[in-house]
Structures are given as structure tokens and as C-alpha cells.
Amino acid sequence: QWGYNTHNTEYGQTFDMPSVVSEWCNQQFDRYTCSVIRQAPGSTLPQHTDTFYTLAKQFGVESKLCVRILIFLEPWQSGHYFEINQQPLVDWQAGDGVLIPYGVPHLSGNMGSLPKYTMQLTGVKNEFKRS
């Protein structure tokens, strides 16, 4: 009813990571999933909350015990947008990240002219090895 459809909400995602990324992920969590997302110009992910379904199913943990770290892989570009809990994020640097706890609403959009690349690392919250 709001105009979202499979065309304007599609994105590319891969779980196939190079070994250097897997090694870094192992330094963050014992149990995790990791993926890279490519959001094309004109694509949006409307406000939603993550269920952490893949991690919960793979490791037999409750979704509410998981947390996601979203990492921006490139510096912010005009038109790239991310919002969490009604707080906009722009002007990020490559490597900046944001914690997305279970049940927290967030959204993402690309109104720019270049793809937006992010990595999401999802792990069991009480296993996070960093403060």
C-alpha cells in the first residue's frame, strides 16, 4: 500500500567471505554469520526489525540473544542513508559501524548514483569479544 515492491526493495547479498574477513569475524564472536550487502541506487529497505533467523537456526539460539553489527564498507556518498531507532546516520567513514540489537527498528536507502556497500556481522550477544 505504500508503494514498496520487489523491484524497489531488492538488494544483493553474499555470505561467501574471503579468509581475512572470516578471521576478523572470529575475533569478534565465537558463533556468527557474516554477509556483504550491495544496495543499488533507487533501492530502499523500509523500516523493519531483524529476526536473526539464519544465526538462530544455524546455532540453535534464541533470536533475542543475538546482535548485529552493521559496518559501512565505503565512505558516505550523497544519497546514501541509514536510520536506526528514528536516528539518521550519514557522513560515515569506511569501517564505521553501528550495533543493531534484537527488536530495534531500522531502515536503509540509496537515493544516490553509486551502490552502497555494507557488511553485517551477526553473533550471539553475550559472546561479543569487544566492549
C-alpha atoms as a PDB file:
ATOM      1  CA  GLN A   1       0.000   0.000   0.000  1.00  0.00           C
ATOM      2  CA  TRP A   2       2.982   2.335   0.483  1.00  0.00           C
ATOM      3  CA  GLY A   3       4.492   1.616  -2.935  1.00  0.00           C
ATOM      4  CA  TYR A   4       7.252  -0.803  -1.911  1.00  0.00           C
ATOM      5  CA  ASN A   5       7.641  -3.765  -4.234  1.00  0.00           C
ATOM      6  CA  THR A   6      10.189  -6.420  -5.159  1.00  0.00           C
ATOM      7  CA  HIS A   7      11.853  -4.071  -7.651  1.00  0.00           C
ATOM      8  CA  ASN A   8      12.496  -1.070  -5.389  1.00  0.00           C
ATOM      9  CA  THR A   9      13.430  -3.137  -2.309  1.00  0.00           C
ATOM     10  CA  GLU A  10      15.820  -5.648  -3.866  1.00  0.00           C
ATOM     11  CA  TYR A  11      19.462  -5.906  -2.832  1.00  0.00           C
ATOM     12  CA  GLY A  12      22.384  -8.237  -3.421  1.00  0.00           C
ATOM     13  CA  GLN A  13      23.793 -10.290  -0.562  1.00  0.00           C
ATOM     14  CA  THR A  14      26.634 -12.777  -0.300  1.00  0.00           C
ATOM     15  CA  PHE A  15      27.744 -14.927   2.620  1.00  0.00           C
ATOM     16  CA  ASP A  16      30.927 -16.002   0.793  1.00  0.00           C
ATOM     17  CA  MET A  17      33.709 -14.161   2.626  1.00  0.00           C
ATOM     18  CA  PRO A  18      37.462 -14.091   1.991  1.00  0.00           C
ATOM     19  CA  SER A  19      39.569 -15.709   4.723  1.00  0.00           C
ATOM     20  CA  VAL A  20      40.801 -12.348   6.070  1.00  0.00           C
ATOM     21  CA  VAL A  21      37.190 -11.327   6.788  1.00  0.00           C
ATOM     22  CA  SER A  22      36.407 -14.683   8.412  1.00  0.00           C
ATOM     23  CA  GLU A  23      39.499 -14.330  10.614  1.00  0.00           C
ATOM     24  CA  TRP A  24      38.357 -10.863  11.714  1.00  0.00           C
ATOM     25  CA  CYS A  25      34.835 -12.157  12.423  1.00  0.00           C
ATOM     26  CA  ASN A  26      36.311 -14.943  14.583  1.00  0.00           C
ATOM     27  CA  GLN A  27      37.964 -12.221  16.663  1.00  0.00           C
ATOM     28  CA  GLN A  28      34.547 -10.686  17.348  1.00  0.00           C
ATOM     29  CA  PHE A  29      32.297 -13.713  18.047  1.00  0.00           C
ATOM     30  CA  ASP A  30      32.583 -17.468  18.559  1.00  0.00           C
ATOM     31  CA  ARG A  31      29.316 -18.085  16.678  1.00  0.00           C
ATOM     32  CA  TYR A  32      28.333 -15.728  13.888  1.00  0.00           C
ATOM     33  CA  THR A  33      27.105 -15.192  10.362  1.00  0.00           C
ATOM     34  CA  CYS A  34      28.597 -12.570   8.078  1.00  0.00           C
ATOM     35  CA  SER A  35      27.440 -11.144   4.772  1.00  0.00           C
ATOM     36  CA  VAL A  36      28.060  -8.229   2.445  1.00  0.00           C
ATOM     37  CA  ILE A  37      25.104  -6.309   1.049  1.00  0.00           C
ATOM     38  CA  ARG A  38      25.021  -4.243  -2.124  1.00  0.00           C
ATOM     39  CA  GLN A  39      22.190  -1.723  -2.262  1.00  0.00           C
ATOM     40  CA  ALA A  40      21.752  -0.315  -5.753  1.00  0.00           C
ATOM     41  CA  PRO A  41      20.735   3.263  -6.495  1.00  0.00           C
ATOM     42  CA  GLY A  42      16.973   3.643  -6.139  1.00  0.00           C
ATOM     43  CA  SER A  43      16.645   0.756  -3.696  1.00  0.00           C
ATOM     44  CA  THR A  44      15.241   1.024  -0.206  1.00  0.00           C
ATOM     45  CA  LEU A  45      14.760  -1.286   2.745  1.00  0.00           C
ATOM     46  CA  PRO A  46      11.708   0.054   4.576  1.00  0.00           C
ATOM     47  CA  GLN A  47      11.664   0.198   8.358  1.00  0.00           C
ATOM     48  CA  HIS A  48      11.882  -3.284   9.857  1.00  0.00           C
ATOM     49  CA  THR A  49      13.348  -5.247  12.737  1.00  0.00           C
ATOM     50  CA  ASP A  50      15.743  -8.131  12.177  1.00  0.00           C
ATOM     51  CA  THR A  51      14.844 -11.634  13.335  1.00  0.00           C
ATOM     52  CA  PHE A  52      18.403 -13.019  13.145  1.00  0.00           C
ATOM     53  CA  TYR A  53      16.764 -16.151  11.752  1.00  0.00           C
ATOM     54  CA  THR A  54      19.833 -17.581   9.996  1.00  0.00           C
ATOM     55  CA  LEU A  55      22.092 -17.359  13.050  1.00  0.00           C
ATOM     56  CA  ALA A  56      19.395 -18.582  15.451  1.00  0.00           C
ATOM     57  CA  LYS A  57      18.620 -21.595  13.269  1.00  0.00           C
ATOM     58  CA  GLN A  58      22.249 -22.436  12.481  1.00  0.00           C
ATOM     59  CA  PHE A  59      23.390 -22.378  16.131  1.00  0.00           C
ATOM     60  CA  GLY A  60      20.165 -23.192  17.982  1.00  0.00           C
ATOM     61  CA  VAL A  61      19.980 -19.922  19.931  1.00  0.00           C
ATOM     62  CA  GLU A  62      17.049 -17.618  20.607  1.00  0.00           C
ATOM     63  CA  SER A  63      16.911 -14.647  18.250  1.00  0.00           C
ATOM     64  CA  LYS A  64      16.568 -12.192  21.130  1.00  0.00           C
ATOM     65  CA  LEU A  65      20.031 -13.266  22.338  1.00  0.00           C
ATOM     66  CA  CYS A  66      21.668 -12.102  19.092  1.00  0.00           C
ATOM     67  CA  VAL A  67      23.040  -8.758  17.958  1.00  0.00           C
ATOM     68  CA  ARG A  68      24.077  -7.382  14.570  1.00  0.00           C
ATOM     69  CA  ILE A  69      26.950  -5.071  13.756  1.00  0.00           C
ATOM     70  CA  LEU A  70      26.434  -3.144  10.522  1.00  0.00           C
ATOM     71  CA  ILE A  71      29.733  -1.938   9.062  1.00  0.00           C
ATOM     72  CA  PHE A  72      29.919   0.659   6.321  1.00  0.00           C
ATOM     73  CA  LEU A  73      32.492  -0.546   3.780  1.00  0.00           C
ATOM     74  CA  GLU A  74      32.981   2.747   1.962  1.00  0.00           C
ATOM     75  CA  PRO A  75      32.813   6.415   2.940  1.00  0.00           C
ATOM     76  CA  TRP A  76      29.373   8.006   2.861  1.00  0.00           C
ATOM     77  CA  GLN A  77      28.202   9.188  -0.560  1.00  0.00           C
ATOM     78  CA  SER A  78      25.482  11.709  -1.270  1.00  0.00           C
ATOM     79  CA  GLY A  79      22.138   9.905  -1.284  1.00  0.00           C
ATOM     80  CA  HIS A  80      23.239   7.024   0.944  1.00  0.00           C
ATOM     81  CA  TYR A  81      21.112   6.787   4.082  1.00  0.00           C
ATOM     82  CA  PHE A  82      20.712   4.637   7.169  1.00  0.00           C
ATOM     83  CA  GLU A  83      18.412   5.148  10.117  1.00  0.00           C
ATOM     84  CA  ILE A  84      18.160   3.265  13.418  1.00  0.00           C
ATOM     85  CA  ASN A  85      15.511   3.860  16.052  1.00  0.00           C
ATOM     86  CA  GLN A  86      14.447   7.030  14.183  1.00  0.00           C
ATOM     87  CA  GLN A  87      18.007   8.424  14.302  1.00  0.00           C
ATOM     88  CA  PRO A  88      19.531   9.192  10.871  1.00  0.00           C
ATOM     89  CA  LEU A  89      23.120   8.247  10.112  1.00  0.00           C
ATOM     90  CA  VAL A  90      25.035   9.958   7.312  1.00  0.00           C
ATOM     91  CA  ASP A  91      28.584  11.160   6.743  1.00  0.00           C
ATOM     92  CA  TRP A  92      30.127   7.853   7.869  1.00  0.00           C
ATOM     93  CA  GLN A  93      33.646   6.710   7.102  1.00  0.00           C
ATOM     94  CA  ALA A  94      34.670   3.301   5.767  1.00  0.00           C
ATOM     95  CA  GLY A  95      34.879   0.965   8.747  1.00  0.00           C
ATOM     96  CA  ASP A  96      32.357   2.827  10.902  1.00  0.00           C
ATOM     97  CA  GLY A  97      29.744   0.568  12.412  1.00  0.00           C
ATOM     98  CA  VAL A  98      26.517   0.538  14.354  1.00  0.00           C
ATOM     99  CA  LEU A  99      25.103  -2.077  16.738  1.00  0.00           C
ATOM    100  CA  ILE A 100      21.613  -3.284  15.885  1.00  0.00           C
ATOM    101  CA  PRO A 101      20.116  -5.120  18.869  1.00  0.00           C
ATOM    102  CA  TYR A 102      17.195  -7.517  18.502  1.00  0.00           C
ATOM    103  CA  GLY A 103      13.884  -5.703  18.022  1.00  0.00           C
ATOM    104  CA  VAL A 104      15.301  -2.260  17.162  1.00  0.00           C
ATOM    105  CA  PRO A 105      13.686  -0.712  14.052  1.00  0.00           C
ATOM    106  CA  HIS A 106      15.935   0.486  11.259  1.00  0.00           C
ATOM    107  CA  LEU A 107      15.851   1.270   7.543  1.00  0.00           C
ATOM    108  CA  SER A 108      18.211   1.880   4.664  1.00  0.00           C
ATOM    109  CA  GLY A 109      18.035   3.702   1.379  1.00  0.00           C
ATOM    110  CA  ASN A 110      20.120   4.615  -1.614  1.00  0.00           C
ATOM    111  CA  MET A 111      18.942   7.726  -3.401  1.00  0.00           C
ATOM    112  CA  GLY A 112      22.440   8.313  -4.784  1.00  0.00           C
ATOM    113  CA  SER A 113      24.110   7.378  -8.044  1.00  0.00           C
ATOM    114  CA  LEU A 114      26.556   4.741  -6.705  1.00  0.00           C
ATOM    115  CA  PRO A 115      25.887   1.403  -4.975  1.00  0.00           C
ATOM    116  CA  LYS A 116      26.040   1.354  -1.164  1.00  0.00           C
ATOM    117  CA  TYR A 117      28.063  -1.498   0.370  1.00  0.00           C
ATOM    118  CA  THR A 118      27.723  -2.693   3.953  1.00  0.00           C
ATOM    119  CA  MET A 119      28.781  -5.773   5.875  1.00  0.00           C
ATOM    120  CA  GLN A 120      26.633  -7.283   8.574  1.00  0.00           C
ATOM    121  CA  LEU A 121      28.132  -9.428  11.275  1.00  0.00           C
ATOM    122  CA  THR A 122      25.558 -11.171  13.448  1.00  0.00           C
ATOM    123  CA  GLY A 123      26.545 -13.009  16.588  1.00  0.00           C
ATOM    124  CA  VAL A 124      25.439 -14.211  19.977  1.00  0.00           C
ATOM    125  CA  LYS A 125      25.333 -11.061  22.107  1.00  0.00           C
ATOM    126  CA  ASN A 126      26.990 -12.409  25.264  1.00  0.00           C
ATOM    127  CA  GLU A 127      29.872 -13.820  23.139  1.00  0.00           C
ATOM    128  CA  PHE A 128      30.867 -10.420  21.715  1.00  0.00           C
ATOM    129  CA  LYS A 129      34.597 -10.136  22.441  1.00  0.00           C
ATOM    130  CA  ARG A 130      34.802  -6.336  22.268  1.00  0.00           C
ATOM    131  CA  SER A 131      33.458  -3.720  24.654  1.00  0.00           C
END
